[in-house]
Amino acid sequence: MLHLLLILVARFVLCTHVCGERQWDYLVYSLEWPPTYCFTHTCKLPYNINNFNIHGLWPSIWPSGSPTNCPNHMPFEIDTIKPIYTELQKEWANLDDFDDPKAFWKHEWQKHGVCALSDPIISNELDYFNISLIMKSKVNLLRRLESIKIIPSDSVTLKRDVLLNQ
């Protein structure tokens, strides 16, 4: 019996203008639905997370691909994001190990964050993570889905056509 609440990986593409030395064309804002992720992975969560979780903000190259070997190798410094630590832990949780969010954040920073530094509005680690939090609050995907009667359920399977016809 499938007990997936909602099968949906939301990817919002934020197109940006070309400027300076940027080595990418747009940002992919990736959200994940924790019950679906945890159905196929071993999760260590202290409670059920019933909202989308930030998976990352990824500089991308058109038509597909990610930049590699970004010139800025600024190390991940947990102290830099202390002002938003609590909110990050709630909105950008490490679903594999909730008690160690730093490992996931470090991975995302080293793989994607340092590449995003070539954007004028992302000048440091705090900006990278904070912009992702701001985007989540602005998009509020769960509320948008609920407004078109798409609600997480253990018993109802969502058909792809339902989303495409909205």
C-alpha atoms as a PDB file:
ATOM      1  CA  MET A   1       0.000   0.000   0.000  1.00  0.00           C
ATOM      2  CA  LEU A   2       1.385   3.290  -1.019  1.00  0.00           C
ATOM      3  CA  HIS A   3       1.348   5.824   1.743  1.00  0.00           C
ATOM      4  CA  LEU A   4       2.826   8.640  -0.224  1.00  0.00           C
ATOM      5  CA  LEU A   5       1.107  11.859   0.654  1.00  0.00           C
ATOM      6  CA  LEU A   6       1.963  13.652  -2.520  1.00  0.00           C
ATOM      7  CA  ILE A   7       4.339  12.850  -5.310  1.00  0.00           C
ATOM      8  CA  LEU A   8       5.744  16.117  -6.374  1.00  0.00           C
ATOM      9  CA  VAL A   9       9.133  17.623  -6.731  1.00  0.00           C
ATOM     10  CA  ALA A  10       8.787  21.306  -7.281  1.00  0.00           C
ATOM     11  CA  ARG A  11      11.381  23.063  -9.267  1.00  0.00           C
ATOM     12  CA  PHE A  12      11.029  26.743  -9.816  1.00  0.00           C
ATOM     13  CA  VAL A  13      13.305  28.249 -12.357  1.00  0.00           C
ATOM     14  CA  LEU A  14      14.334  31.777 -11.665  1.00  0.00           C
ATOM     15  CA  CYS A  15      15.612  33.250 -14.872  1.00  0.00           C
ATOM     16  CA  THR A  16      18.141  35.969 -14.375  1.00  0.00           C
ATOM     17  CA  HIS A  17      19.871  38.388 -16.692  1.00  0.00           C
ATOM     18  CA  VAL A  18      23.399  37.691 -17.867  1.00  0.00           C
ATOM     19  CA  CYS A  19      25.982  39.784 -16.097  1.00  0.00           C
ATOM     20  CA  GLY A  20      29.674  39.940 -15.418  1.00  0.00           C
ATOM     21  CA  GLU A  21      31.597  36.752 -14.887  1.00  0.00           C
ATOM     22  CA  ARG A  22      28.626  34.576 -14.037  1.00  0.00           C
ATOM     23  CA  GLN A  23      29.173  31.006 -15.192  1.00  0.00           C
ATOM     24  CA  TRP A  24      25.500  30.045 -15.222  1.00  0.00           C
ATOM     25  CA  ASP A  25      22.237  31.161 -16.812  1.00  0.00           C
ATOM     26  CA  TYR A  26      19.503  30.657 -14.215  1.00  0.00           C
ATOM     27  CA  LEU A  27      18.799  29.329 -10.725  1.00  0.00           C
ATOM     28  CA  VAL A  28      16.762  26.205 -10.021  1.00  0.00           C
ATOM     29  CA  TYR A  29      14.941  26.448  -6.708  1.00  0.00           C
ATOM     30  CA  SER A  30      14.289  22.872  -5.612  1.00  0.00           C
ATOM     31  CA  LEU A  31      11.743  21.789  -3.018  1.00  0.00           C
ATOM     32  CA  GLU A  32      11.024  18.236  -1.879  1.00  0.00           C
ATOM     33  CA  TRP A  33       8.014  16.633  -0.205  1.00  0.00           C
ATOM     34  CA  PRO A  34       9.379  14.897   2.945  1.00  0.00           C
ATOM     35  CA  PRO A  35       6.850  12.016   3.139  1.00  0.00           C
ATOM     36  CA  THR A  36       7.721  10.998  -0.419  1.00  0.00           C
ATOM     37  CA  TYR A  37      11.452  11.372   0.152  1.00  0.00           C
ATOM     38  CA  CYS A  38      11.232   9.365   3.376  1.00  0.00           C
ATOM     39  CA  PHE A  39       9.221   6.626   1.656  1.00  0.00           C
ATOM     40  CA  THR A  40      12.300   5.776  -0.406  1.00  0.00           C
ATOM     41  CA  HIS A  41      15.037   6.789   2.078  1.00  0.00           C
ATOM     42  CA  THR A  42      15.752   6.141   5.734  1.00  0.00           C
ATOM     43  CA  CYS A  43      14.897   9.401   7.441  1.00  0.00           C
ATOM     44  CA  LYS A  44      15.762  10.478  10.951  1.00  0.00           C
ATOM     45  CA  LEU A  45      13.139  13.059  11.832  1.00  0.00           C
ATOM     46  CA  PRO A  46      11.883  13.923  15.329  1.00  0.00           C
ATOM     47  CA  TYR A  47       8.400  14.727  13.963  1.00  0.00           C
ATOM     48  CA  ASN A  48       6.413  14.610  10.762  1.00  0.00           C
ATOM     49  CA  ILE A  49       7.265  17.462   8.454  1.00  0.00           C
ATOM     50  CA  ASN A  50       4.098  18.320   6.573  1.00  0.00           C
ATOM     51  CA  ASN A  51       5.356  21.049   4.318  1.00  0.00           C
ATOM     52  CA  PHE A  52       7.788  21.227   1.452  1.00  0.00           C
ATOM     53  CA  ASN A  53      11.447  21.182   2.409  1.00  0.00           C
ATOM     54  CA  ILE A  54      14.085  23.202   0.608  1.00  0.00           C
ATOM     55  CA  HIS A  55      16.454  20.906  -1.224  1.00  0.00           C
ATOM     56  CA  GLY A  56      18.608  23.581  -2.800  1.00  0.00           C
ATOM     57  CA  LEU A  57      19.200  26.628  -4.945  1.00  0.00           C
ATOM     58  CA  TRP A  58      21.212  25.528  -7.936  1.00  0.00           C
ATOM     59  CA  PRO A  59      22.964  27.670 -10.529  1.00  0.00           C
ATOM     60  CA  SER A  60      22.311  25.997 -13.884  1.00  0.00           C
ATOM     61  CA  ILE A  61      23.435  26.286 -17.474  1.00  0.00           C
ATOM     62  CA  TRP A  62      20.970  26.280 -20.374  1.00  0.00           C
ATOM     63  CA  PRO A  63      19.907  23.876 -21.848  1.00  0.00           C
ATOM     64  CA  SER A  64      20.986  21.560 -19.054  1.00  0.00           C
ATOM     65  CA  GLY A  65      23.776  21.103 -16.627  1.00  0.00           C
ATOM     66  CA  SER A  66      25.489  22.667 -13.689  1.00  0.00           C
ATOM     67  CA  PRO A  67      28.631  24.744 -13.609  1.00  0.00           C
ATOM     68  CA  THR A  68      31.704  22.945 -12.394  1.00  0.00           C
ATOM     69  CA  ASN A  69      34.956  24.190 -10.965  1.00  0.00           C
ATOM     70  CA  CYS A  70      33.559  27.507  -9.804  1.00  0.00           C
ATOM     71  CA  PRO A  71      36.473  29.807  -9.020  1.00  0.00           C
ATOM     72  CA  ASN A  72      35.319  30.779  -5.529  1.00  0.00           C
ATOM     73  CA  HIS A  73      36.134  28.093  -2.993  1.00  0.00           C
ATOM     74  CA  MET A  74      34.833  29.921   0.061  1.00  0.00           C
ATOM     75  CA  PRO A  75      34.594  27.272   2.821  1.00  0.00           C
ATOM     76  CA  PHE A  76      31.336  26.527   4.612  1.00  0.00           C
ATOM     77  CA  GLU A  77      31.300  28.339   7.953  1.00  0.00           C
ATOM     78  CA  ILE A  78      28.374  27.421  10.210  1.00  0.00           C
ATOM     79  CA  ASP A  79      28.848  30.617  12.254  1.00  0.00           C
ATOM     80  CA  THR A  80      28.010  32.677   9.160  1.00  0.00           C
ATOM     81  CA  ILE A  81      24.426  31.378   9.117  1.00  0.00           C
ATOM     82  CA  LYS A  82      23.798  31.513  12.873  1.00  0.00           C
ATOM     83  CA  PRO A  83      21.270  34.375  12.491  1.00  0.00           C
ATOM     84  CA  ILE A  84      19.000  32.081  10.440  1.00  0.00           C
ATOM     85  CA  TYR A  85      20.003  28.685  11.895  1.00  0.00           C
ATOM     86  CA  THR A  86      16.651  27.912  13.555  1.00  0.00           C
ATOM     87  CA  GLU A  87      14.651  28.824  10.463  1.00  0.00           C
ATOM     88  CA  LEU A  88      17.019  26.840   8.240  1.00  0.00           C
ATOM     89  CA  GLN A  89      16.634  23.783  10.452  1.00  0.00           C
ATOM     90  CA  LYS A  90      12.855  24.009  10.023  1.00  0.00           C
ATOM     91  CA  GLU A  91      12.679  24.914   6.318  1.00  0.00           C
ATOM     92  CA  TRP A  92      15.852  23.283   4.934  1.00  0.00           C
ATOM     93  CA  ALA A  93      16.023  20.160   7.089  1.00  0.00           C
ATOM     94  CA  ASN A  94      18.458  17.337   6.569  1.00  0.00           C
ATOM     95  CA  LEU A  95      15.874  14.592   6.083  1.00  0.00           C
ATOM     96  CA  ASP A  96      18.522  11.879   6.310  1.00  0.00           C
ATOM     97  CA  ASP A  97      19.711  13.061   9.717  1.00  0.00           C
ATOM     98  CA  PHE A  98      17.705  15.855  11.300  1.00  0.00           C
ATOM     99  CA  ASP A  99      20.180  16.154  14.182  1.00  0.00           C
ATOM    100  CA  ASP A 100      23.016  16.999  11.784  1.00  0.00           C
ATOM    101  CA  PRO A 101      21.729  19.624   9.343  1.00  0.00           C
ATOM    102  CA  LYS A 102      25.217  21.037   8.830  1.00  0.00           C
ATOM    103  CA  ALA A 103      26.302  18.123   6.632  1.00  0.00           C
ATOM    104  CA  PHE A 104      23.519  18.787   4.113  1.00  0.00           C
ATOM    105  CA  TRP A 105      23.997  22.561   4.173  1.00  0.00           C
ATOM    106  CA  LYS A 106      27.737  22.163   3.716  1.00  0.00           C
ATOM    107  CA  HIS A 107      27.180  19.876   0.729  1.00  0.00           C
ATOM    108  CA  GLU A 108      24.734  22.322  -0.908  1.00  0.00           C
ATOM    109  CA  TRP A 109      27.061  25.267  -0.249  1.00  0.00           C
ATOM    110  CA  GLN A 110      30.139  23.543  -1.648  1.00  0.00           C
ATOM    111  CA  LYS A 111      28.345  22.124  -4.690  1.00  0.00           C
ATOM    112  CA  HIS A 112      26.013  25.018  -5.559  1.00  0.00           C
ATOM    113  CA  GLY A 113      26.418  27.990  -3.231  1.00  0.00           C
ATOM    114  CA  VAL A 114      29.940  28.944  -4.226  1.00  0.00           C
ATOM    115  CA  CYS A 115      28.835  28.998  -7.882  1.00  0.00           C
ATOM    116  CA  ALA A 116      25.939  31.320  -7.004  1.00  0.00           C
ATOM    117  CA  LEU A 117      28.371  33.908  -5.610  1.00  0.00           C
ATOM    118  CA  SER A 118      28.801  35.372  -9.082  1.00  0.00           C
ATOM    119  CA  ASP A 119      25.275  36.829  -8.807  1.00  0.00           C
ATOM    120  CA  PRO A 120      25.250  40.401  -7.479  1.00  0.00           C
ATOM    121  CA  ILE A 121      22.558  39.643  -4.862  1.00  0.00           C
ATOM    122  CA  ILE A 122      24.378  36.592  -3.480  1.00  0.00           C
ATOM    123  CA  SER A 123      27.607  37.900  -2.028  1.00  0.00           C
ATOM    124  CA  ASN A 124      28.186  35.369   0.742  1.00  0.00           C
ATOM    125  CA  GLU A 125      27.005  32.193   2.451  1.00  0.00           C
ATOM    126  CA  LEU A 126      24.354  33.988   4.518  1.00  0.00           C
ATOM    127  CA  ASP A 127      22.851  35.550   1.366  1.00  0.00           C
ATOM    128  CA  TYR A 128      22.704  32.179  -0.402  1.00  0.00           C
ATOM    129  CA  PHE A 129      20.767  30.464   2.391  1.00  0.00           C
ATOM    130  CA  ASN A 130      18.655  33.499   3.293  1.00  0.00           C
ATOM    131  CA  ILE A 131      17.485  34.025  -0.304  1.00  0.00           C
ATOM    132  CA  SER A 132      16.305  30.409  -0.352  1.00  0.00           C
ATOM    133  CA  LEU A 133      14.289  30.997   2.831  1.00  0.00           C
ATOM    134  CA  ILE A 134      12.769  34.186   1.420  1.00  0.00           C
ATOM    135  CA  MET A 135      11.787  32.376  -1.768  1.00  0.00           C
ATOM    136  CA  LYS A 136      10.071  29.614   0.200  1.00  0.00           C
ATOM    137  CA  SER A 137       7.976  32.120   2.123  1.00  0.00           C
ATOM    138  CA  LYS A 138       7.045  33.974  -1.076  1.00  0.00           C
ATOM    139  CA  VAL A 139       6.163  30.869  -3.108  1.00  0.00           C
ATOM    140  CA  ASN A 140       4.335  28.917  -0.363  1.00  0.00           C
ATOM    141  CA  LEU A 141       3.761  25.954  -2.664  1.00  0.00           C
ATOM    142  CA  LEU A 142       1.602  24.009  -0.209  1.00  0.00           C
ATOM    143  CA  ARG A 143      -0.877  26.887   0.085  1.00  0.00           C
ATOM    144  CA  ARG A 144      -0.945  27.322  -3.701  1.00  0.00           C
ATOM    145  CA  LEU A 145      -1.693  23.639  -4.210  1.00  0.00           C
ATOM    146  CA  GLU A 146      -4.401  23.698  -1.552  1.00  0.00           C
ATOM    147  CA  SER A 147      -6.009  26.672  -3.312  1.00  0.00           C
ATOM    148  CA  ILE A 148      -6.579  24.462  -6.365  1.00  0.00           C
ATOM    149  CA  LYS A 149      -7.831  21.569  -4.227  1.00  0.00           C
ATOM    150  CA  ILE A 150      -4.633  19.527  -4.318  1.00  0.00           C
ATOM    151  CA  ILE A 151      -4.192  18.311  -0.760  1.00  0.00           C
ATOM    152  CA  PRO A 152      -1.716  15.769   0.645  1.00  0.00           C
ATOM    153  CA  SER A 153      -3.378  12.429   1.283  1.00  0.00           C
ATOM    154  CA  ASP A 154      -2.464   8.896   2.344  1.00  0.00           C
ATOM    155  CA  SER A 155      -5.318   7.449   0.324  1.00  0.00           C
ATOM    156  CA  VAL A 156      -5.589   9.532  -2.841  1.00  0.00           C
ATOM    157  CA  THR A 157      -3.029   9.219  -5.605  1.00  0.00           C
ATOM    158  CA  LEU A 158      -2.504  12.385  -7.572  1.00  0.00           C
ATOM    159  CA  LYS A 159      -2.570  11.929 -11.317  1.00  0.00           C
ATOM    160  CA  ARG A 160      -0.105  13.883 -13.433  1.00  0.00           C
ATOM    161  CA  ASP A 161      -2.933  15.210 -15.623  1.00  0.00           C
ATOM    162  CA  VAL A 162      -4.509  16.924 -12.620  1.00  0.00           C
ATOM    163  CA  LEU A 163      -1.437  19.105 -12.263  1.00  0.00           C
ATOM    164  CA  LEU A 164      -1.068  19.714 -15.978  1.00  0.00           C
ATOM    165  CA  ASN A 165      -4.687  20.839 -16.330  1.00  0.00           C
ATOM    166  CA  GLN A 166      -4.468  23.480 -13.610  1.00  0.00           C
END
